[in-house]
Amino acid sequence: MSLLALVFLAIHIITSVLDAYASISLIDAVIPFHGSYRPLWLGLGAAAFDLLVAVIITSLLRARIGAGTWRAVHWLAYACWPLALVHGLGTGTDVAQAWMLAIDTICVAVVIGAVGCVWPPPPGRPPRTRRRRGLPVAFVIGLAVWLPSGRWPPAGQSVRARLRISLHTER
């Protein structure tokens, strides 16, 4: 999966370098905070890219570097996504478009839901029940139902009916 992400990221970087809209060099895309075009936002994207490259290189060298080093570097993967998200929000040309805001919102909701499902309970508390683990998932589904209409609950329909309609119309 991360190799596929790297392919799409390479396409993103190459097209950004070739695009005449912004003067971004290949060095700007690799060295964080080096460029003159939106240095903070571009630097966050370059840092996310560098972290992803470190994760992939250590995966390829796992047998030689040991499991502890590999695991320590792989914890950095959790920093890649928020850095890339903030990079896109800060330097993206489509960031004010409704479809881009919807994509970003859904991505954030899915990540919050996933983290909520796997986050361990505090010490001394019993493990969460299935019902409590389902709350983040319910939040994500509710957000997906709410986004197209902008109203909550959707006017004239139950949430279940609205979800059923949206799932059938997307095919």
N, C-alpha and C. Protein backbone atom coordinates (compact mmCIF):
# COMPACT_ATOMS: atom_id res chain seq x y z
N MET A 1 0.81 -1.19 0.00
CA MET A 1 0.00 0.00 0.00
C MET A 1 0.86 1.26 0.00
N SER A 2 1.92 1.28 0.81
CA SER A 2 2.76 2.48 0.84
C SER A 2 3.54 2.65 -0.45
N LEU A 3 3.83 1.56 -1.15
CA LEU A 3 4.50 1.71 -2.45
C LEU A 3 3.56 2.36 -3.46
N LEU A 4 2.28 2.02 -3.42
CA LEU A 4 1.30 2.66 -4.28
C LEU A 4 1.18 4.15 -3.92
N ALA A 5 1.19 4.45 -2.64
CA ALA A 5 1.15 5.85 -2.20
C ALA A 5 2.39 6.59 -2.71
N LEU A 6 3.53 5.92 -2.70
CA LEU A 6 4.76 6.55 -3.19
C LEU A 6 4.67 6.83 -4.68
N VAL A 7 4.05 5.95 -5.45
CA VAL A 7 3.88 6.18 -6.89
C VAL A 7 3.02 7.41 -7.12
N PHE A 8 1.88 7.50 -6.42
CA PHE A 8 1.02 8.68 -6.57
C PHE A 8 1.72 9.94 -6.07
N LEU A 9 2.51 9.81 -5.04
CA LEU A 9 3.25 10.95 -4.53
C LEU A 9 4.31 11.41 -5.54
N ALA A 10 4.97 10.47 -6.19
CA ALA A 10 5.94 10.82 -7.23
C ALA A 10 5.25 11.55 -8.38
N ILE A 11 4.07 11.09 -8.77
CA ILE A 11 3.31 11.78 -9.82
C ILE A 11 2.96 13.19 -9.37
N HIS A 12 2.54 13.34 -8.12
CA HIS A 12 2.21 14.66 -7.57
C HIS A 12 3.43 15.59 -7.60
N ILE A 13 4.57 15.08 -7.16
CA ILE A 13 5.78 15.91 -7.12
C ILE A 13 6.23 16.28 -8.52
N ILE A 14 6.25 15.32 -9.43
CA ILE A 14 6.71 15.60 -10.80
C ILE A 14 5.80 16.62 -11.49
N THR A 15 4.49 16.43 -11.36
CA THR A 15 3.58 17.39 -12.00
C THR A 15 3.67 18.76 -11.35
N SER A 16 3.94 18.83 -10.05
CA SER A 16 4.11 20.13 -9.38
C SER A 16 5.37 20.83 -9.85
N VAL A 17 6.43 20.06 -10.06
CA VAL A 17 7.68 20.64 -10.54
C VAL A 17 7.53 21.13 -11.98
N LEU A 18 6.81 20.36 -12.80
CA LEU A 18 6.63 20.73 -14.20
C LEU A 18 5.60 21.83 -14.42
N ASP A 19 4.72 22.04 -13.45
CA ASP A 19 3.67 23.04 -13.57
C ASP A 19 4.27 24.45 -13.51
N ALA A 20 3.87 25.30 -14.44
CA ALA A 20 4.40 26.66 -14.49
C ALA A 20 3.72 27.60 -13.50
N TYR A 21 2.63 27.17 -12.86
CA TYR A 21 1.90 28.03 -11.93
C TYR A 21 2.78 28.47 -10.75
N ALA A 22 3.51 27.53 -10.20
CA ALA A 22 4.39 27.83 -9.06
C ALA A 22 5.80 27.40 -9.41
N SER A 23 6.76 28.19 -8.99
CA SER A 23 8.15 27.85 -9.27
C SER A 23 8.68 26.93 -8.15
N ILE A 24 8.49 25.64 -8.37
CA ILE A 24 8.94 24.64 -7.41
C ILE A 24 9.98 23.77 -8.11
N SER A 25 11.15 23.67 -7.50
CA SER A 25 12.18 22.80 -8.06
C SER A 25 12.11 21.43 -7.37
N LEU A 26 12.81 20.47 -7.93
CA LEU A 26 12.85 19.14 -7.33
C LEU A 26 13.50 19.20 -5.95
N ILE A 27 14.47 20.06 -5.77
CA ILE A 27 15.12 20.22 -4.47
C ILE A 27 14.12 20.77 -3.45
N ASP A 28 13.26 21.71 -3.88
CA ASP A 28 12.25 22.27 -2.97
C ASP A 28 11.27 21.19 -2.50
N ALA A 29 11.03 20.20 -3.36
CA ALA A 29 10.09 19.14 -3.02
C ALA A 29 10.70 18.10 -2.08
N VAL A 30 12.01 18.10 -1.94
CA VAL A 30 12.68 17.08 -1.13
C VAL A 30 13.26 17.65 0.16
N ILE A 31 13.78 18.86 0.09
CA ILE A 31 14.39 19.48 1.28
C ILE A 31 13.35 20.39 1.93
N PRO A 32 12.92 20.07 3.14
CA PRO A 32 11.88 20.87 3.80
C PRO A 32 12.30 22.32 4.02
N PHE A 33 11.36 23.23 3.76
CA PHE A 33 11.48 24.66 4.03
C PHE A 33 12.61 25.32 3.24
N HIS A 34 12.95 24.77 2.09
CA HIS A 34 14.03 25.30 1.26
C HIS A 34 13.53 26.28 0.21
N GLY A 35 12.36 26.04 -0.33
CA GLY A 35 11.87 26.81 -1.47
C GLY A 35 11.36 28.20 -1.11
N SER A 36 11.11 28.99 -2.15
CA SER A 36 10.60 30.35 -1.95
C SER A 36 9.09 30.41 -2.14
N TYR A 37 8.49 29.40 -2.76
CA TYR A 37 7.04 29.38 -2.96
C TYR A 37 6.37 28.75 -1.75
N ARG A 38 5.64 29.53 -0.99
CA ARG A 38 4.93 29.08 0.21
C ARG A 38 5.81 28.13 1.04
N PRO A 39 6.91 28.63 1.57
CA PRO A 39 7.92 27.74 2.19
C PRO A 39 7.41 26.90 3.35
N LEU A 40 6.52 27.44 4.18
CA LEU A 40 6.02 26.65 5.31
C LEU A 40 5.20 25.47 4.81
N TRP A 41 4.22 25.74 3.94
CA TRP A 41 3.31 24.71 3.48
C TRP A 41 4.02 23.69 2.60
N LEU A 42 4.88 24.16 1.72
CA LEU A 42 5.65 23.24 0.88
C LEU A 42 6.64 22.44 1.73
N GLY A 43 7.19 23.09 2.75
CA GLY A 43 8.12 22.40 3.65
C GLY A 43 7.45 21.27 4.43
N LEU A 44 6.20 21.47 4.82
CA LEU A 44 5.47 20.39 5.50
C LEU A 44 5.26 19.20 4.57
N GLY A 45 4.96 19.48 3.31
CA GLY A 45 4.81 18.40 2.33
C GLY A 45 6.13 17.68 2.10
N ALA A 46 7.22 18.43 2.02
CA ALA A 46 8.54 17.81 1.82
C ALA A 46 8.93 16.97 3.05
N ALA A 47 8.59 17.45 4.24
CA ALA A 47 8.88 16.67 5.45
C ALA A 47 8.07 15.37 5.46
N ALA A 48 6.80 15.45 5.06
CA ALA A 48 5.98 14.23 4.98
C ALA A 48 6.57 13.26 3.96
N PHE A 49 7.01 13.78 2.84
CA PHE A 49 7.64 12.93 1.82
C PHE A 49 8.90 12.27 2.36
N ASP A 50 9.74 13.04 3.03
CA ASP A 50 10.98 12.48 3.59
C ASP A 50 10.70 11.39 4.61
N LEU A 51 9.68 11.60 5.45
CA LEU A 51 9.32 10.58 6.43
C LEU A 51 8.84 9.30 5.74
N LEU A 52 8.04 9.46 4.68
CA LEU A 52 7.57 8.29 3.94
C LEU A 52 8.72 7.55 3.29
N VAL A 53 9.67 8.27 2.74
CA VAL A 53 10.84 7.63 2.13
C VAL A 53 11.64 6.88 3.20
N ALA A 54 11.79 7.47 4.39
CA ALA A 54 12.51 6.79 5.48
C ALA A 54 11.80 5.50 5.87
N VAL A 55 10.48 5.53 5.92
CA VAL A 55 9.71 4.34 6.27
C VAL A 55 9.91 3.25 5.21
N ILE A 56 9.88 3.63 3.96
CA ILE A 56 10.04 2.64 2.88
C ILE A 56 11.46 2.07 2.85
N ILE A 57 12.46 2.93 3.02
CA ILE A 57 13.85 2.44 3.01
C ILE A 57 14.08 1.48 4.18
N THR A 58 13.57 1.82 5.36
CA THR A 58 13.76 0.91 6.49
C THR A 58 12.99 -0.39 6.31
N SER A 59 11.88 -0.35 5.58
CA SER A 59 11.17 -1.60 5.29
C SER A 59 12.01 -2.50 4.40
N LEU A 60 12.66 -1.89 3.43
CA LEU A 60 13.52 -2.68 2.54
C LEU A 60 14.76 -3.21 3.26
N LEU A 61 15.20 -2.53 4.30
CA LEU A 61 16.40 -2.94 5.03
C LEU A 61 16.09 -3.57 6.38
N ARG A 62 14.86 -3.99 6.60
CA ARG A 62 14.44 -4.47 7.92
C ARG A 62 15.32 -5.60 8.45
N ALA A 63 15.69 -6.52 7.61
CA ALA A 63 16.51 -7.65 8.06
C ALA A 63 17.89 -7.20 8.53
N ARG A 64 18.37 -6.08 8.00
CA ARG A 64 19.71 -5.61 8.35
C ARG A 64 19.75 -4.63 9.51
N ILE A 65 18.65 -3.92 9.73
CA ILE A 65 18.68 -2.89 10.78
C ILE A 65 18.05 -3.34 12.09
N GLY A 66 17.33 -4.45 12.06
CA GLY A 66 16.72 -4.95 13.28
C GLY A 66 15.31 -4.44 13.49
N ALA A 67 14.55 -5.21 14.24
CA ALA A 67 13.13 -4.90 14.44
C ALA A 67 12.93 -3.64 15.28
N GLY A 68 13.78 -3.38 16.24
CA GLY A 68 13.61 -2.20 17.09
C GLY A 68 13.79 -0.90 16.32
N THR A 69 14.82 -0.82 15.51
CA THR A 69 15.04 0.37 14.69
C THR A 69 13.93 0.52 13.68
N TRP A 70 13.55 -0.59 13.06
CA TRP A 70 12.48 -0.56 12.07
C TRP A 70 11.19 -0.02 12.70
N ARG A 71 10.85 -0.52 13.88
CA ARG A 71 9.62 -0.10 14.57
C ARG A 71 9.69 1.39 14.94
N ALA A 72 10.85 1.83 15.42
CA ALA A 72 11.00 3.24 15.81
C ALA A 72 10.79 4.16 14.61
N VAL A 73 11.35 3.80 13.47
CA VAL A 73 11.18 4.63 12.27
C VAL A 73 9.74 4.55 11.78
N HIS A 74 9.13 3.38 11.90
CA HIS A 74 7.75 3.24 11.43
C HIS A 74 6.74 4.02 12.26
N TRP A 75 7.07 4.36 13.48
CA TRP A 75 6.20 5.24 14.25
C TRP A 75 6.11 6.61 13.58
N LEU A 76 7.13 6.98 12.79
CA LEU A 76 7.10 8.25 12.07
C LEU A 76 6.02 8.28 11.00
N ALA A 77 5.57 7.11 10.56
CA ALA A 77 4.52 7.06 9.54
C ALA A 77 3.26 7.77 10.02
N TYR A 78 3.02 7.76 11.33
CA TYR A 78 1.85 8.44 11.86
C TYR A 78 1.94 9.95 11.70
N ALA A 79 3.14 10.48 11.52
CA ALA A 79 3.31 11.92 11.31
C ALA A 79 3.14 12.30 9.84
N CYS A 80 3.28 11.35 8.93
CA CYS A 80 3.19 11.66 7.49
C CYS A 80 1.83 12.21 7.11
N TRP A 81 0.78 11.55 7.54
CA TRP A 81 -0.55 11.94 7.10
C TRP A 81 -0.96 13.34 7.57
N PRO A 82 -0.82 13.67 8.88
CA PRO A 82 -1.21 15.03 9.26
C PRO A 82 -0.36 16.10 8.59
N LEU A 83 0.93 15.83 8.41
CA LEU A 83 1.78 16.80 7.71
C LEU A 83 1.31 17.00 6.28
N ALA A 84 0.99 15.90 5.60
CA ALA A 84 0.52 16.00 4.22
C ALA A 84 -0.84 16.70 4.15
N LEU A 85 -1.70 16.44 5.10
CA LEU A 85 -3.02 17.09 5.12
C LEU A 85 -2.87 18.59 5.29
N VAL A 86 -2.06 19.02 6.25
CA VAL A 86 -1.86 20.45 6.48
C VAL A 86 -1.16 21.08 5.27
N HIS A 87 -0.24 20.36 4.65
CA HIS A 87 0.41 20.82 3.43
C HIS A 87 -0.63 21.10 2.35
N GLY A 88 -1.55 20.19 2.17
CA GLY A 88 -2.59 20.37 1.16
C GLY A 88 -3.53 21.52 1.49
N LEU A 89 -3.87 21.67 2.77
CA LEU A 89 -4.75 22.76 3.18
C LEU A 89 -4.07 24.12 3.01
N GLY A 90 -2.76 24.16 3.18
CA GLY A 90 -2.04 25.43 3.09
C GLY A 90 -1.61 25.83 1.71
N THR A 91 -1.32 24.87 0.86
CA THR A 91 -0.79 25.23 -0.46
C THR A 91 -1.66 24.76 -1.61
N GLY A 92 -2.70 24.02 -1.33
CA GLY A 92 -3.56 23.52 -2.39
C GLY A 92 -4.34 24.63 -3.07
N THR A 93 -4.45 24.56 -4.39
CA THR A 93 -5.18 25.59 -5.13
C THR A 93 -6.68 25.33 -5.10
N ASP A 94 -7.11 24.11 -4.78
CA ASP A 94 -8.53 23.77 -4.73
C ASP A 94 -9.07 23.69 -3.31
N VAL A 95 -8.33 24.19 -2.34
CA VAL A 95 -8.69 23.99 -0.94
C VAL A 95 -10.02 24.66 -0.57
N ALA A 96 -10.41 25.70 -1.29
CA ALA A 96 -11.67 26.37 -0.98
C ALA A 96 -12.87 25.74 -1.69
N GLN A 97 -12.62 24.79 -2.56
CA GLN A 97 -13.71 24.14 -3.29
C GLN A 97 -14.46 23.19 -2.36
N ALA A 98 -15.76 23.10 -2.54
CA ALA A 98 -16.60 22.26 -1.67
C ALA A 98 -16.18 20.80 -1.74
N TRP A 99 -15.86 20.31 -2.93
CA TRP A 99 -15.50 18.89 -3.07
C TRP A 99 -14.19 18.59 -2.34
N MET A 100 -13.25 19.54 -2.34
CA MET A 100 -11.98 19.30 -1.65
C MET A 100 -12.18 19.36 -0.14
N LEU A 101 -12.98 20.29 0.33
CA LEU A 101 -13.28 20.34 1.76
C LEU A 101 -14.01 19.08 2.21
N ALA A 102 -14.89 18.56 1.36
CA ALA A 102 -15.60 17.32 1.70
C ALA A 102 -14.62 16.16 1.80
N ILE A 103 -13.70 16.06 0.84
CA ILE A 103 -12.70 14.98 0.88
C ILE A 103 -11.85 15.09 2.15
N ASP A 104 -11.37 16.29 2.45
CA ASP A 104 -10.54 16.48 3.64
C ASP A 104 -11.32 16.15 4.92
N THR A 105 -12.56 16.59 4.98
CA THR A 105 -13.39 16.34 6.16
C THR A 105 -13.64 14.85 6.35
N ILE A 106 -13.95 14.17 5.26
CA ILE A 106 -14.20 12.72 5.34
C ILE A 106 -12.93 11.99 5.76
N CYS A 107 -11.79 12.38 5.20
CA CYS A 107 -10.52 11.75 5.59
C CYS A 107 -10.22 11.94 7.07
N VAL A 108 -10.42 13.15 7.56
CA VAL A 108 -10.19 13.41 8.99
C VAL A 108 -11.15 12.60 9.84
N ALA A 109 -12.41 12.53 9.43
CA ALA A 109 -13.41 11.77 10.19
C ALA A 109 -13.07 10.28 10.22
N VAL A 110 -12.63 9.75 9.09
CA VAL A 110 -12.27 8.33 9.04
C VAL A 110 -11.07 8.05 9.94
N VAL A 111 -10.08 8.91 9.92
CA VAL A 111 -8.91 8.71 10.78
C VAL A 111 -9.30 8.82 12.25
N ILE A 112 -10.12 9.81 12.59
CA ILE A 112 -10.58 9.93 13.98
C ILE A 112 -11.36 8.68 14.39
N GLY A 113 -12.21 8.19 13.49
CA GLY A 113 -12.97 6.98 13.78
C GLY A 113 -12.07 5.77 13.96
N ALA A 114 -11.07 5.63 13.11
CA ALA A 114 -10.15 4.49 13.22
C ALA A 114 -9.34 4.56 14.51
N VAL A 115 -8.86 5.73 14.84
CA VAL A 115 -8.09 5.89 16.08
C VAL A 115 -8.98 5.61 17.28
N GLY A 116 -10.21 6.07 17.23
CA GLY A 116 -11.14 5.82 18.32
C GLY A 116 -11.44 4.35 18.51
N CYS A 117 -11.41 3.59 17.43
CA CYS A 117 -11.70 2.16 17.53
C CYS A 117 -10.54 1.36 18.11
N VAL A 118 -9.31 1.83 17.93
CA VAL A 118 -8.16 1.03 18.37
C VAL A 118 -7.45 1.62 19.58
N TRP A 119 -7.79 2.84 19.98
CA TRP A 119 -7.10 3.47 21.10
C TRP A 119 -7.34 2.66 22.36
N PRO A 120 -6.29 2.30 23.07
CA PRO A 120 -6.48 1.48 24.27
C PRO A 120 -7.08 2.31 25.41
N PRO A 121 -7.80 1.64 26.32
CA PRO A 121 -8.37 2.36 27.46
C PRO A 121 -7.27 2.77 28.43
N PRO A 122 -7.53 3.78 29.28
CA PRO A 122 -6.53 4.18 30.28
C PRO A 122 -6.25 3.04 31.24
N PRO A 123 -5.08 3.04 31.89
CA PRO A 123 -4.77 1.98 32.85
C PRO A 123 -5.81 1.92 33.97
N GLY A 124 -6.19 0.70 34.33
CA GLY A 124 -7.15 0.50 35.40
C GLY A 124 -8.60 0.47 34.93
N ARG A 125 -8.84 0.78 33.68
CA ARG A 125 -10.21 0.73 33.16
C ARG A 125 -10.39 -0.55 32.36
N PRO A 126 -11.61 -1.09 32.37
CA PRO A 126 -11.85 -2.29 31.56
C PRO A 126 -11.82 -1.95 30.07
N PRO A 127 -11.53 -2.93 29.24
CA PRO A 127 -11.53 -2.68 27.79
C PRO A 127 -12.90 -2.19 27.32
N ARG A 128 -12.90 -1.42 26.26
CA ARG A 128 -14.16 -0.91 25.71
C ARG A 128 -15.02 -2.04 25.20
N THR A 129 -16.29 -1.80 25.27
CA THR A 129 -17.21 -2.78 24.70
C THR A 129 -17.35 -2.52 23.21
N ARG A 130 -17.92 -3.48 22.50
CA ARG A 130 -18.14 -3.32 21.06
C ARG A 130 -19.00 -2.09 20.78
N ARG A 131 -19.98 -1.85 21.65
CA ARG A 131 -20.88 -0.72 21.43
C ARG A 131 -20.13 0.60 21.49
N ARG A 132 -19.27 0.77 22.47
CA ARG A 132 -18.51 2.02 22.59
C ARG A 132 -17.51 2.16 21.46
N ARG A 133 -16.97 1.05 20.98
CA ARG A 133 -16.04 1.14 19.85
C ARG A 133 -16.76 1.52 18.57
N GLY A 134 -18.05 1.28 18.53
CA GLY A 134 -18.82 1.63 17.35
C GLY A 134 -19.17 3.10 17.26
N LEU A 135 -18.99 3.85 18.34
CA LEU A 135 -19.34 5.27 18.32
C LEU A 135 -18.53 6.06 17.29
N PRO A 136 -17.22 5.88 17.19
CA PRO A 136 -16.50 6.62 16.14
C PRO A 136 -16.97 6.23 14.74
N VAL A 137 -17.28 4.98 14.54
CA VAL A 137 -17.78 4.54 13.23
C VAL A 137 -19.12 5.20 12.95
N ALA A 138 -19.99 5.27 13.95
CA ALA A 138 -21.28 5.94 13.79
C ALA A 138 -21.08 7.42 13.47
N PHE A 139 -20.07 8.04 14.07
CA PHE A 139 -19.77 9.44 13.79
C PHE A 139 -19.39 9.62 12.32
N VAL A 140 -18.54 8.74 11.81
CA VAL A 140 -18.11 8.83 10.41
C VAL A 140 -19.31 8.64 9.48
N ILE A 141 -20.16 7.67 9.76
CA ILE A 141 -21.34 7.44 8.93
C ILE A 141 -22.27 8.65 9.01
N GLY A 142 -22.46 9.19 10.19
CA GLY A 142 -23.29 10.37 10.33
C GLY A 142 -22.75 11.56 9.56
N LEU A 143 -21.44 11.74 9.57
CA LEU A 143 -20.83 12.81 8.81
C LEU A 143 -21.03 12.62 7.32
N ALA A 144 -20.89 11.38 6.85
CA ALA A 144 -21.10 11.08 5.44
C ALA A 144 -22.54 11.34 5.01
N VAL A 145 -23.48 11.12 5.91
CA VAL A 145 -24.89 11.38 5.62
C VAL A 145 -25.16 12.88 5.64
N TRP A 146 -24.55 13.60 6.56
CA TRP A 146 -24.81 15.02 6.72
C TRP A 146 -24.18 15.88 5.63
N LEU A 147 -22.97 15.55 5.18
CA LEU A 147 -22.25 16.42 4.25
C LEU A 147 -23.04 16.78 2.99
N PRO A 148 -23.69 15.83 2.31
CA PRO A 148 -24.39 16.22 1.08
C PRO A 148 -25.55 17.17 1.32
N SER A 149 -26.22 17.09 2.46
CA SER A 149 -27.41 17.90 2.68
C SER A 149 -27.12 19.18 3.44
N GLY A 150 -26.14 19.15 4.32
CA GLY A 150 -25.84 20.31 5.14
C GLY A 150 -26.80 20.48 6.31
N ARG A 151 -27.74 19.56 6.50
CA ARG A 151 -28.71 19.64 7.60
C ARG A 151 -28.60 18.37 8.44
N TRP A 152 -28.88 18.53 9.73
CA TRP A 152 -28.91 17.35 10.59
C TRP A 152 -30.10 17.45 11.52
N PRO A 153 -30.93 16.46 11.59
CA PRO A 153 -30.99 15.30 10.70
C PRO A 153 -31.52 15.72 9.33
N PRO A 154 -31.29 14.91 8.32
CA PRO A 154 -31.76 15.27 6.98
C PRO A 154 -33.27 15.50 6.99
N ALA A 155 -33.70 16.55 6.32
CA ALA A 155 -35.11 16.95 6.35
C ALA A 155 -36.01 15.87 5.76
N GLY A 156 -37.02 15.49 6.54
CA GLY A 156 -38.05 14.58 6.05
C GLY A 156 -37.64 13.12 5.95
N GLN A 157 -36.47 12.75 6.44
CA GLN A 157 -36.04 11.35 6.33
C GLN A 157 -35.35 10.94 7.62
N SER A 158 -35.42 9.64 7.86
CA SER A 158 -34.63 9.12 8.97
C SER A 158 -33.18 9.01 8.49
N VAL A 159 -32.27 8.96 9.42
CA VAL A 159 -30.86 8.83 9.06
C VAL A 159 -30.63 7.53 8.31
N ARG A 160 -31.26 6.45 8.75
CA ARG A 160 -31.10 5.16 8.09
C ARG A 160 -31.57 5.23 6.64
N ALA A 161 -32.73 5.87 6.38
CA ALA A 161 -33.23 6.00 5.02
C ALA A 161 -32.30 6.86 4.18
N ARG A 162 -31.79 7.93 4.75
CA ARG A 162 -30.87 8.82 4.01
C ARG A 162 -29.60 8.06 3.64
N LEU A 163 -29.05 7.28 4.55
CA LEU A 163 -27.86 6.51 4.26
C LEU A 163 -28.14 5.48 3.17
N ARG A 164 -29.27 4.82 3.25
CA ARG A 164 -29.64 3.82 2.25
C ARG A 164 -29.75 4.48 0.87
N ILE A 165 -30.35 5.66 0.80
CA ILE A 165 -30.49 6.39 -0.47
C ILE A 165 -29.11 6.78 -1.00
N SER A 166 -28.25 7.32 -0.15
CA SER A 166 -26.93 7.76 -0.62
C SER A 166 -26.09 6.58 -1.07
N LEU A 167 -26.21 5.44 -0.43
CA LEU A 167 -25.42 4.28 -0.84
C LEU A 167 -25.91 3.73 -2.17
N HIS A 168 -27.21 3.81 -2.43
CA HIS A 168 -27.75 3.27 -3.68
C HIS A 168 -27.54 4.22 -4.85
N THR A 169 -27.46 5.51 -4.62
CA THR A 169 -27.29 6.46 -5.72
C THR A 169 -25.85 6.60 -6.15
N GLU A 170 -24.91 6.14 -5.36
CA GLU A 170 -23.49 6.26 -5.72
C GLU A 170 -23.03 5.19 -6.69
N ARG A 171 -23.82 4.19 -6.92
CA ARG A 171 -23.40 3.11 -7.81
C ARG A 171 -23.38 3.51 -9.24
